[in-house]
Structure formats: structure tokens, C-alpha cells
Amino acid sequence: MEIKKQMLEFDRKSGVICILLALHTHKELRAMELLNMIHISRDTFYRGTGEWMTQNGLMKVVPNVDERIFVFQITEKGRKIAEHLSEIEKIL
């Protein structure tokens, strides 16, 4: 069985599962709230995980009045994945 490239990237990105579950629960989070919940560095998030998740349609940046504050929302694609992850979490 061949594993898709996207699945391998998903597995290797730090915090993807936790970010999806947090956004699924809270619907919308400021960047600092999210980073504090999942305990990854700003650098890892902005230059790696967060960028990859946005490019792959799992979350999006929500326009905010204060341009210095980033707010993230889960997308429909991200929500579907998070629902499956929630089921796995229940089994574990």
C-alpha cells in the first residue's frame, strides 16, 4: 500500500492534530491562544505547521480589526478531519 505524500506531511507536521482538535472545539482562536493550548513555538507554527495547514485548506486566517492579531478558524475540510480525529481520540 502506498501512502499519499499529503498524509506523510500531515503526520510529520508538529501540532496538526492538536490544532485541528482545538479549532474544532473552539471554532475560532487567536494565534496566541492557540499556541498556548498546543505548546509549540511561534516559529514552528508560522513557518511550518500553520502555513502548511492554511495552504492545504485545513484552517484559514479570519480578518480582524487589529491587524497585529491573527485569528484562525477551521475550514470545512479541517472540520471533517477533526471529527474523525475526535472519534480516534475516544477510542484511545
PDB file of N, CA and C in Angstrom:
ATOM      1  N   MET A   1       0.837  -1.177   0.000  1.00  0.00           N
ATOM      2  CA  MET A   1       0.000   0.000   0.000  1.00  0.00           C
ATOM      3  C   MET A   1       0.884   1.244   0.000  1.00  0.00           C
ATOM      4  N   GLU A   2       0.599   2.136  -0.898  1.00  0.00           N
ATOM      5  CA  GLU A   2       1.356   3.380  -0.995  1.00  0.00           C
ATOM      6  C   GLU A   2       0.665   4.459  -0.154  1.00  0.00           C
ATOM      7  N   ILE A   3       1.455   5.192   0.627  1.00  0.00           N
ATOM      8  CA  ILE A   3       0.919   6.262   1.460  1.00  0.00           C
ATOM      9  C   ILE A   3       1.065   7.573   0.703  1.00  0.00           C
ATOM     10  N   LYS A   4      -0.036   8.314   0.613  1.00  0.00           N
ATOM     11  CA  LYS A   4      -0.020   9.588  -0.108  1.00  0.00           C
ATOM     12  C   LYS A   4       0.963  10.567   0.530  1.00  0.00           C
ATOM     13  N   LYS A   5       1.556  11.387  -0.317  1.00  0.00           N
ATOM     14  CA  LYS A   5       2.517  12.390   0.137  1.00  0.00           C
ATOM     15  C   LYS A   5       1.889  13.323   1.179  1.00  0.00           C
ATOM     16  N   GLN A   6       0.622  13.738   0.957  1.00  0.00           N
ATOM     17  CA  GLN A   6      -0.036  14.642   1.896  1.00  0.00           C
ATOM     18  C   GLN A   6      -0.209  14.000   3.270  1.00  0.00           C
ATOM     19  N   MET A   7      -0.471  12.695   3.308  1.00  0.00           N
ATOM     20  CA  MET A   7      -0.630  12.000   4.580  1.00  0.00           C
ATOM     21  C   MET A   7       0.691  11.960   5.334  1.00  0.00           C
ATOM     22  N   LEU A   8       1.771  11.756   4.614  1.00  0.00           N
ATOM     23  CA  LEU A   8       3.090  11.764   5.250  1.00  0.00           C
ATOM     24  C   LEU A   8       3.417  13.146   5.805  1.00  0.00           C
ATOM     25  N   GLU A   9       3.107  14.200   5.050  1.00  0.00           N
ATOM     26  CA  GLU A   9       3.327  15.568   5.521  1.00  0.00           C
ATOM     27  C   GLU A   9       2.461  15.854   6.740  1.00  0.00           C
ATOM     28  N   PHE A  10       1.216  15.417   6.695  1.00  0.00           N
ATOM     29  CA  PHE A  10       0.282  15.604   7.813  1.00  0.00           C
ATOM     30  C   PHE A  10       0.866  14.979   9.079  1.00  0.00           C
ATOM     31  N   ASP A  11       1.407  13.791   8.952  1.00  0.00           N
ATOM     32  CA  ASP A  11       1.965  13.061  10.089  1.00  0.00           C
ATOM     33  C   ASP A  11       3.213  13.742  10.642  1.00  0.00           C
ATOM     34  N   ARG A  12       3.994  14.364   9.788  1.00  0.00           N
ATOM     35  CA  ARG A  12       5.286  14.938  10.204  1.00  0.00           C
ATOM     36  C   ARG A  12       5.181  16.363  10.744  1.00  0.00           C
ATOM     37  N   LYS A  13       4.089  17.042  10.470  1.00  0.00           N
ATOM     38  CA  LYS A  13       3.958  18.427  10.924  1.00  0.00           C
ATOM     39  C   LYS A  13       3.619  18.476  12.408  1.00  0.00           C
ATOM     40  N   SER A  14       4.389  19.226  13.140  1.00  0.00           N
ATOM     41  CA  SER A  14       4.216  19.335  14.583  1.00  0.00           C
ATOM     42  C   SER A  14       2.919  20.048  14.949  1.00  0.00           C
ATOM     43  N   GLY A  15       2.067  19.377  15.711  1.00  0.00           N
ATOM     44  CA  GLY A  15       0.884  20.016  16.261  1.00  0.00           C
ATOM     45  C   GLY A  15      -0.363  20.011  15.409  1.00  0.00           C
ATOM     46  N   VAL A  16      -0.351  19.445  14.214  1.00  0.00           N
ATOM     47  CA  VAL A  16      -1.514  19.496  13.326  1.00  0.00           C
ATOM     48  C   VAL A  16      -2.750  18.906  13.991  1.00  0.00           C
ATOM     49  N   ILE A  17      -2.608  17.743  14.588  1.00  0.00           N
ATOM     50  CA  ILE A  17      -3.766  17.088  15.215  1.00  0.00           C
ATOM     51  C   ILE A  17      -4.315  17.954  16.340  1.00  0.00           C
ATOM     52  N   CYS A  18      -3.447  18.460  17.189  1.00  0.00           N
ATOM     53  CA  CYS A  18      -3.891  19.290  18.313  1.00  0.00           C
ATOM     54  C   CYS A  18      -4.537  20.590  17.838  1.00  0.00           C
ATOM     55  N   ILE A  19      -3.996  21.186  16.800  1.00  0.00           N
ATOM     56  CA  ILE A  19      -4.569  22.425  16.256  1.00  0.00           C
ATOM     57  C   ILE A  19      -5.967  22.153  15.714  1.00  0.00           C
ATOM     58  N   LEU A  20      -6.112  21.080  14.953  1.00  0.00           N
ATOM     59  CA  LEU A  20      -7.436  20.749  14.403  1.00  0.00           C
ATOM     60  C   LEU A  20      -8.452  20.496  15.513  1.00  0.00           C
ATOM     61  N   LEU A  21      -8.058  19.744  16.540  1.00  0.00           N
ATOM     62  CA  LEU A  21      -8.983  19.467  17.641  1.00  0.00           C
ATOM     63  C   LEU A  21      -9.335  20.734  18.423  1.00  0.00           C
ATOM     64  N   ALA A  22      -8.353  21.606  18.635  1.00  0.00           N
ATOM     65  CA  ALA A  22      -8.612  22.864  19.347  1.00  0.00           C
ATOM     66  C   ALA A  22      -9.557  23.760  18.554  1.00  0.00           C
ATOM     67  N   LEU A  23      -9.316  23.898  17.254  1.00  0.00           N
ATOM     68  CA  LEU A  23     -10.188  24.740  16.425  1.00  0.00           C
ATOM     69  C   LEU A  23     -11.570  24.115  16.249  1.00  0.00           C
ATOM     70  N   HIS A  24     -11.635  22.814  16.235  1.00  0.00           N
ATOM     71  CA  HIS A  24     -12.927  22.131  16.132  1.00  0.00           C
ATOM     72  C   HIS A  24     -13.762  22.413  17.378  1.00  0.00           C
ATOM     73  N   THR A  25     -13.125  22.429  18.529  1.00  0.00           N
ATOM     74  CA  THR A  25     -13.809  22.684  19.794  1.00  0.00           C
ATOM     75  C   THR A  25     -14.186  24.157  19.957  1.00  0.00           C
ATOM     76  N   HIS A  26     -13.258  25.045  19.638  1.00  0.00           N
ATOM     77  CA  HIS A  26     -13.447  26.477  19.907  1.00  0.00           C
ATOM     78  C   HIS A  26     -13.907  27.294  18.701  1.00  0.00           C
ATOM     79  N   LYS A  27     -13.919  26.690  17.525  1.00  0.00           N
ATOM     80  CA  LYS A  27     -14.355  27.324  16.268  1.00  0.00           C
ATOM     81  C   LYS A  27     -13.423  28.424  15.775  1.00  0.00           C
ATOM     82  N   GLU A  28     -12.949  29.271  16.675  1.00  0.00           N
ATOM     83  CA  GLU A  28     -12.105  30.404  16.290  1.00  0.00           C
ATOM     84  C   GLU A  28     -11.185  30.724  17.457  1.00  0.00           C
ATOM     85  N   LEU A  29      -9.905  30.911  17.169  1.00  0.00           N
ATOM     86  CA  LEU A  29      -8.935  31.220  18.223  1.00  0.00           C
ATOM     87  C   LEU A  29      -7.916  32.232  17.731  1.00  0.00           C
ATOM     88  N   ARG A  30      -7.508  33.101  18.639  1.00  0.00           N
ATOM     89  CA  ARG A  30      -6.384  33.988  18.347  1.00  0.00           C
ATOM     90  C   ARG A  30      -5.124  33.143  18.323  1.00  0.00           C
ATOM     91  N   ALA A  31      -4.147  33.604  17.580  1.00  0.00           N
ATOM     92  CA  ALA A  31      -2.905  32.851  17.424  1.00  0.00           C
ATOM     93  C   ALA A  31      -2.274  32.524  18.776  1.00  0.00           C
ATOM     94  N   MET A  32      -2.178  33.492  19.676  1.00  0.00           N
ATOM     95  CA  MET A  32      -1.528  33.244  20.965  1.00  0.00           C
ATOM     96  C   MET A  32      -2.324  32.258  21.816  1.00  0.00           C
ATOM     97  N   GLU A  33      -3.648  32.308  21.754  1.00  0.00           N
ATOM     98  CA  GLU A  33      -4.464  31.331  22.482  1.00  0.00           C
ATOM     99  C   GLU A  33      -4.176  29.924  21.968  1.00  0.00           C
ATOM    100  N   LEU A  34      -4.121  29.817  20.667  1.00  0.00           N
ATOM    101  CA  LEU A  34      -3.866  28.530  20.026  1.00  0.00           C
ATOM    102  C   LEU A  34      -2.479  28.001  20.384  1.00  0.00           C
ATOM    103  N   LEU A  35      -1.478  28.850  20.293  1.00  0.00           N
ATOM    104  CA  LEU A  35      -0.111  28.438  20.605  1.00  0.00           C
ATOM    105  C   LEU A  35       0.028  28.020  22.066  1.00  0.00           C
ATOM    106  N   ASN A  36      -0.643  28.711  22.964  1.00  0.00           N
ATOM    107  CA  ASN A  36      -0.595  28.353  24.378  1.00  0.00           C
ATOM    108  C   ASN A  36      -1.283  27.020  24.646  1.00  0.00           C
ATOM    109  N   MET A  37      -2.323  26.713  23.900  1.00  0.00           N
ATOM    110  CA  MET A  37      -3.037  25.447  24.078  1.00  0.00           C
ATOM    111  C   MET A  37      -2.222  24.252  23.632  1.00  0.00           C
ATOM    112  N   ILE A  38      -1.523  24.405  22.510  1.00  0.00           N
ATOM    113  CA  ILE A  38      -0.857  23.245  21.917  1.00  0.00           C
ATOM    114  C   ILE A  38       0.635  23.185  22.215  1.00  0.00           C
ATOM    115  N   HIS A  39       1.184  24.221  22.812  1.00  0.00           N
ATOM    116  CA  HIS A  39       2.576  24.240  23.256  1.00  0.00           C
ATOM    117  C   HIS A  39       3.589  23.997  22.137  1.00  0.00           C
ATOM    118  N   ILE A  40       3.446  24.753  21.038  1.00  0.00           N
ATOM    119  CA  ILE A  40       4.505  24.770  20.034  1.00  0.00           C
ATOM    120  C   ILE A  40       4.978  26.209  19.880  1.00  0.00           C
ATOM    121  N   SER A  41       6.163  26.371  19.381  1.00  0.00           N
ATOM    122  CA  SER A  41       6.737  27.711  19.271  1.00  0.00           C
ATOM    123  C   SER A  41       6.068  28.502  18.149  1.00  0.00           C
ATOM    124  N   ARG A  42       6.168  29.805  18.266  1.00  0.00           N
ATOM    125  CA  ARG A  42       5.628  30.687  17.217  1.00  0.00           C
ATOM    126  C   ARG A  42       6.302  30.382  15.880  1.00  0.00           C
ATOM    127  N   ASP A  43       7.602  30.188  15.934  1.00  0.00           N
ATOM    128  CA  ASP A  43       8.354  29.928  14.712  1.00  0.00           C
ATOM    129  C   ASP A  43       7.883  28.642  14.027  1.00  0.00           C
ATOM    130  N   THR A  44       7.719  27.583  14.811  1.00  0.00           N
ATOM    131  CA  THR A  44       7.236  26.309  14.255  1.00  0.00           C
ATOM    132  C   THR A  44       5.857  26.497  13.644  1.00  0.00           C
ATOM    133  N   PHE A  45       5.013  27.240  14.337  1.00  0.00           N
ATOM    134  CA  PHE A  45       3.649  27.444  13.855  1.00  0.00           C
ATOM    135  C   PHE A  45       3.616  28.278  12.573  1.00  0.00           C
ATOM    136  N   TYR A  46       4.212  29.455  12.605  1.00  0.00           N
ATOM    137  CA  TYR A  46       4.101  30.374  11.468  1.00  0.00           C
ATOM    138  C   TYR A  46       4.906  29.942  10.249  1.00  0.00           C
ATOM    139  N   ARG A  47       6.045  29.313  10.454  1.00  0.00           N
ATOM    140  CA  ARG A  47       6.889  28.945   9.306  1.00  0.00           C
ATOM    141  C   ARG A  47       6.723  27.493   8.877  1.00  0.00           C
ATOM    142  N   GLY A  48       5.953  26.747   9.617  1.00  0.00           N
ATOM    143  CA  GLY A  48       5.808  25.337   9.284  1.00  0.00           C
ATOM    144  C   GLY A  48       4.363  24.882   9.325  1.00  0.00           C
ATOM    145  N   THR A  49       3.931  24.515  10.496  1.00  0.00           N
ATOM    146  CA  THR A  49       2.627  23.889  10.665  1.00  0.00           C
ATOM    147  C   THR A  49       1.478  24.776  10.203  1.00  0.00           C
ATOM    148  N   GLY A  50       1.399  25.992  10.714  1.00  0.00           N
ATOM    149  CA  GLY A  50       0.295  26.892  10.365  1.00  0.00           C
ATOM    150  C   GLY A  50       0.245  27.217   8.892  1.00  0.00           C
ATOM    151  N   GLU A  51       1.398  27.467   8.331  1.00  0.00           N
ATOM    152  CA  GLU A  51       1.484  27.763   6.897  1.00  0.00           C
ATOM    153  C   GLU A  51       1.014  26.559   6.073  1.00  0.00           C
ATOM    154  N   TRP A  52       1.470  25.357   6.450  1.00  0.00           N
ATOM    155  CA  TRP A  52       1.086  24.144   5.738  1.00  0.00           C
ATOM    156  C   TRP A  52      -0.419  23.905   5.851  1.00  0.00           C
ATOM    157  N   MET A  53      -0.977  24.111   7.051  1.00  0.00           N
ATOM    158  CA  MET A  53      -2.415  23.890   7.254  1.00  0.00           C
ATOM    159  C   MET A  53      -3.256  24.873   6.447  1.00  0.00           C
ATOM    160  N   THR A  54      -2.808  26.108   6.353  1.00  0.00           N
ATOM    161  CA  THR A  54      -3.528  27.117   5.577  1.00  0.00           C
ATOM    162  C   THR A  54      -3.438  26.794   4.087  1.00  0.00           C
ATOM    163  N   GLN A  55      -2.257  26.455   3.615  1.00  0.00           N
ATOM    164  CA  GLN A  55      -2.069  26.119   2.195  1.00  0.00           C
ATOM    165  C   GLN A  55      -2.877  24.895   1.782  1.00  0.00           C
ATOM    166  N   ASN A  56      -3.093  23.960   2.719  1.00  0.00           N
ATOM    167  CA  ASN A  56      -3.825  22.734   2.420  1.00  0.00           C
ATOM    168  C   ASN A  56      -5.298  22.816   2.789  1.00  0.00           C
ATOM    169  N   GLY A  57      -5.760  24.011   3.118  1.00  0.00           N
ATOM    170  CA  GLY A  57      -7.182  24.236   3.333  1.00  0.00           C
ATOM    171  C   GLY A  57      -7.762  23.656   4.607  1.00  0.00           C
ATOM    172  N   LEU A  58      -6.936  23.493   5.651  1.00  0.00           N
ATOM    173  CA  LEU A  58      -7.437  22.946   6.911  1.00  0.00           C
ATOM    174  C   LEU A  58      -7.876  24.035   7.880  1.00  0.00           C
ATOM    175  N   MET A  59      -7.315  25.217   7.739  1.00  0.00           N
ATOM    176  CA  MET A  59      -7.717  26.371   8.556  1.00  0.00           C
ATOM    177  C   MET A  59      -7.506  27.628   7.733  1.00  0.00           C
ATOM    178  N   LYS A  60      -8.094  28.720   8.208  1.00  0.00           N
ATOM    179  CA  LYS A  60      -7.949  29.987   7.495  1.00  0.00           C
ATOM    180  C   LYS A  60      -7.761  31.115   8.486  1.00  0.00           C
ATOM    181  N   VAL A  61      -7.163  32.188   8.010  1.00  0.00           N
ATOM    182  CA  VAL A  61      -6.994  33.401   8.803  1.00  0.00           C
ATOM    183  C   VAL A  61      -8.255  34.228   8.622  1.00  0.00           C
ATOM    184  N   VAL A  62      -8.819  34.671   9.736  1.00  0.00           N
ATOM    185  CA  VAL A  62     -10.041  35.468   9.717  1.00  0.00           C
ATOM    186  C   VAL A  62      -9.653  36.942   9.790  1.00  0.00           C
ATOM    187  N   PRO A  63     -10.231  37.789   8.919  1.00  0.00           N
ATOM    188  CA  PRO A  63      -9.940  39.221   9.002  1.00  0.00           C
ATOM    189  C   PRO A  63     -10.265  39.758  10.402  1.00  0.00           C
ATOM    190  N   ASN A  64      -9.391  40.616  10.897  1.00  0.00           N
ATOM    191  CA  ASN A  64      -9.544  41.151  12.245  1.00  0.00           C
ATOM    192  C   ASN A  64      -9.333  42.660  12.210  1.00  0.00           C
ATOM    193  N   VAL A  65     -10.018  43.370  13.078  1.00  0.00           N
ATOM    194  CA  VAL A  65      -9.900  44.827  13.150  1.00  0.00           C
ATOM    195  C   VAL A  65      -8.454  45.222  13.473  1.00  0.00           C
ATOM    196  N   ASP A  66      -7.865  44.524  14.420  1.00  0.00           N
ATOM    197  CA  ASP A  66      -6.476  44.770  14.785  1.00  0.00           C
ATOM    198  C   ASP A  66      -5.593  43.866  13.925  1.00  0.00           C
ATOM    199  N   GLU A  67      -4.931  44.435  12.959  1.00  0.00           N
ATOM    200  CA  GLU A  67      -4.131  43.664  12.002  1.00  0.00           C
ATOM    201  C   GLU A  67      -2.938  42.970  12.641  1.00  0.00           C
ATOM    202  N   ARG A  68      -2.596  43.347  13.867  1.00  0.00           N
ATOM    203  CA  ARG A  68      -1.464  42.715  14.550  1.00  0.00           C
ATOM    204  C   ARG A  68      -1.860  41.376  15.181  1.00  0.00           C
ATOM    205  N   ILE A  69      -3.152  41.133  15.305  1.00  0.00           N
ATOM    206  CA  ILE A  69      -3.646  39.908  15.939  1.00  0.00           C
ATOM    207  C   ILE A  69      -4.206  38.980  14.868  1.00  0.00           C
ATOM    208  N   PHE A  70      -3.646  37.783  14.792  1.00  0.00           N
ATOM    209  CA  PHE A  70      -4.127  36.783  13.843  1.00  0.00           C
ATOM    210  C   PHE A  70      -5.168  35.907  14.524  1.00  0.00           C
ATOM    211  N   VAL A  71      -6.290  35.702  13.829  1.00  0.00           N
ATOM    212  CA  VAL A  71      -7.357  34.836  14.332  1.00  0.00           C
ATOM    213  C   VAL A  71      -7.550  33.726  13.310  1.00  0.00           C
ATOM    214  N   PHE A  72      -7.645  32.494  13.791  1.00  0.00           N
ATOM    215  CA  PHE A  72      -7.770  31.334  12.914  1.00  0.00           C
ATOM    216  C   PHE A  72      -9.096  30.622  13.124  1.00  0.00           C
ATOM    217  N   GLN A  73      -9.625  30.098  12.023  1.00  0.00           N
ATOM    218  CA  GLN A  73     -10.843  29.294  12.035  1.00  0.00           C
ATOM    219  C   GLN A  73     -10.572  27.998  11.295  1.00  0.00           C
ATOM    220  N   ILE A  74     -11.283  26.962  11.695  1.00  0.00           N
ATOM    221  CA  ILE A  74     -11.190  25.691  10.994  1.00  0.00           C
ATOM    222  C   ILE A  74     -12.050  25.784   9.731  1.00  0.00           C
ATOM    223  N   THR A  75     -11.609  25.156   8.667  1.00  0.00           N
ATOM    224  CA  THR A  75     -12.386  25.128   7.428  1.00  0.00           C
ATOM    225  C   THR A  75     -13.273  23.880   7.427  1.00  0.00           C
ATOM    226  N   GLU A  76     -14.105  23.769   6.421  1.00  0.00           N
ATOM    227  CA  GLU A  76     -14.960  22.586   6.304  1.00  0.00           C
ATOM    228  C   GLU A  76     -14.107  21.320   6.166  1.00  0.00           C
ATOM    229  N   LYS A  77     -13.069  21.391   5.364  1.00  0.00           N
ATOM    230  CA  LYS A  77     -12.157  20.257   5.195  1.00  0.00           C
ATOM    231  C   LYS A  77     -11.499  19.903   6.530  1.00  0.00           C
ATOM    232  N   GLY A  78     -11.035  20.911   7.253  1.00  0.00           N
ATOM    233  CA  GLY A  78     -10.419  20.689   8.560  1.00  0.00           C
ATOM    234  C   GLY A  78     -11.403  20.120   9.564  1.00  0.00           C
ATOM    235  N   ARG A  79     -12.654  20.578   9.512  1.00  0.00           N
ATOM    236  CA  ARG A  79     -13.688  20.090  10.419  1.00  0.00           C
ATOM    237  C   ARG A  79     -13.939  18.603  10.204  1.00  0.00           C
ATOM    238  N   LYS A  80     -14.007  18.195   8.945  1.00  0.00           N
ATOM    239  CA  LYS A  80     -14.239  16.779   8.636  1.00  0.00           C
ATOM    240  C   LYS A  80     -13.114  15.908   9.189  1.00  0.00           C
ATOM    241  N   ILE A  81     -11.890  16.356   9.014  1.00  0.00           N
ATOM    242  CA  ILE A  81     -10.745  15.606   9.537  1.00  0.00           C
ATOM    243  C   ILE A  81     -10.783  15.583  11.061  1.00  0.00           C
ATOM    244  N   ALA A  82     -11.090  16.724  11.672  1.00  0.00           N
ATOM    245  CA  ALA A  82     -11.148  16.812  13.135  1.00  0.00           C
ATOM    246  C   ALA A  82     -12.223  15.897  13.717  1.00  0.00           C
ATOM    247  N   GLU A  83     -13.326  15.737  13.021  1.00  0.00           N
ATOM    248  CA  GLU A  83     -14.369  14.827  13.503  1.00  0.00           C
ATOM    249  C   GLU A  83     -13.842  13.398  13.568  1.00  0.00           C
ATOM    250  N   HIS A  84     -13.105  12.981  12.556  1.00  0.00           N
ATOM    251  CA  HIS A  84     -12.509  11.643  12.572  1.00  0.00           C
ATOM    252  C   HIS A  84     -11.463  11.521  13.683  1.00  0.00           C
ATOM    253  N   LEU A  85     -10.675  12.578  13.869  1.00  0.00           N
ATOM    254  CA  LEU A  85      -9.675  12.564  14.937  1.00  0.00           C
ATOM    255  C   LEU A  85     -10.336  12.476  16.313  1.00  0.00           C
ATOM    256  N   SER A  86     -11.467  13.135  16.474  1.00  0.00           N
ATOM    257  CA  SER A  86     -12.213  13.063  17.744  1.00  0.00           C
ATOM    258  C   SER A  86     -12.663  11.638  18.032  1.00  0.00           C
ATOM    259  N   GLU A  87     -13.087  10.948  17.001  1.00  0.00           N
ATOM    260  CA  GLU A  87     -13.502   9.550  17.154  1.00  0.00           C
ATOM    261  C   GLU A  87     -12.310   8.675  17.553  1.00  0.00           C
ATOM    262  N   ILE A  88     -11.169   8.919  16.938  1.00  0.00           N
ATOM    263  CA  ILE A  88      -9.953   8.167  17.284  1.00  0.00           C
ATOM    264  C   ILE A  88      -9.570   8.450  18.733  1.00  0.00           C
ATOM    265  N   GLU A  89      -9.671   9.720  19.119  1.00  0.00           N
ATOM    266  CA  GLU A  89      -9.330  10.122  20.488  1.00  0.00           C
ATOM    267  C   GLU A  89     -10.205   9.370  21.508  1.00  0.00           C
ATOM    268  N   LYS A  90     -11.473   9.199  21.196  1.00  0.00           N
ATOM    269  CA  LYS A  90     -12.396   8.470  22.083  1.00  0.00           C
ATOM    270  C   LYS A  90     -11.975   7.012  22.238  1.00  0.00           C
ATOM    271  N   ILE A  91     -11.505   6.403  21.157  1.00  0.00           N
ATOM    272  CA  ILE A  91     -11.069   5.009  21.196  1.00  0.00           C
ATOM    273  C   ILE A  91      -9.807   4.859  22.057  1.00  0.00           C
ATOM    274  N   LEU A  92      -8.911   5.833  21.939  1.00  0.00           N
ATOM    275  CA  LEU A  92      -7.657   5.787  22.708  1.00  0.00           C
ATOM    276  C   LEU A  92      -7.937   5.973  24.175  1.00  0.00           C
TER     277      LEU A  92
END
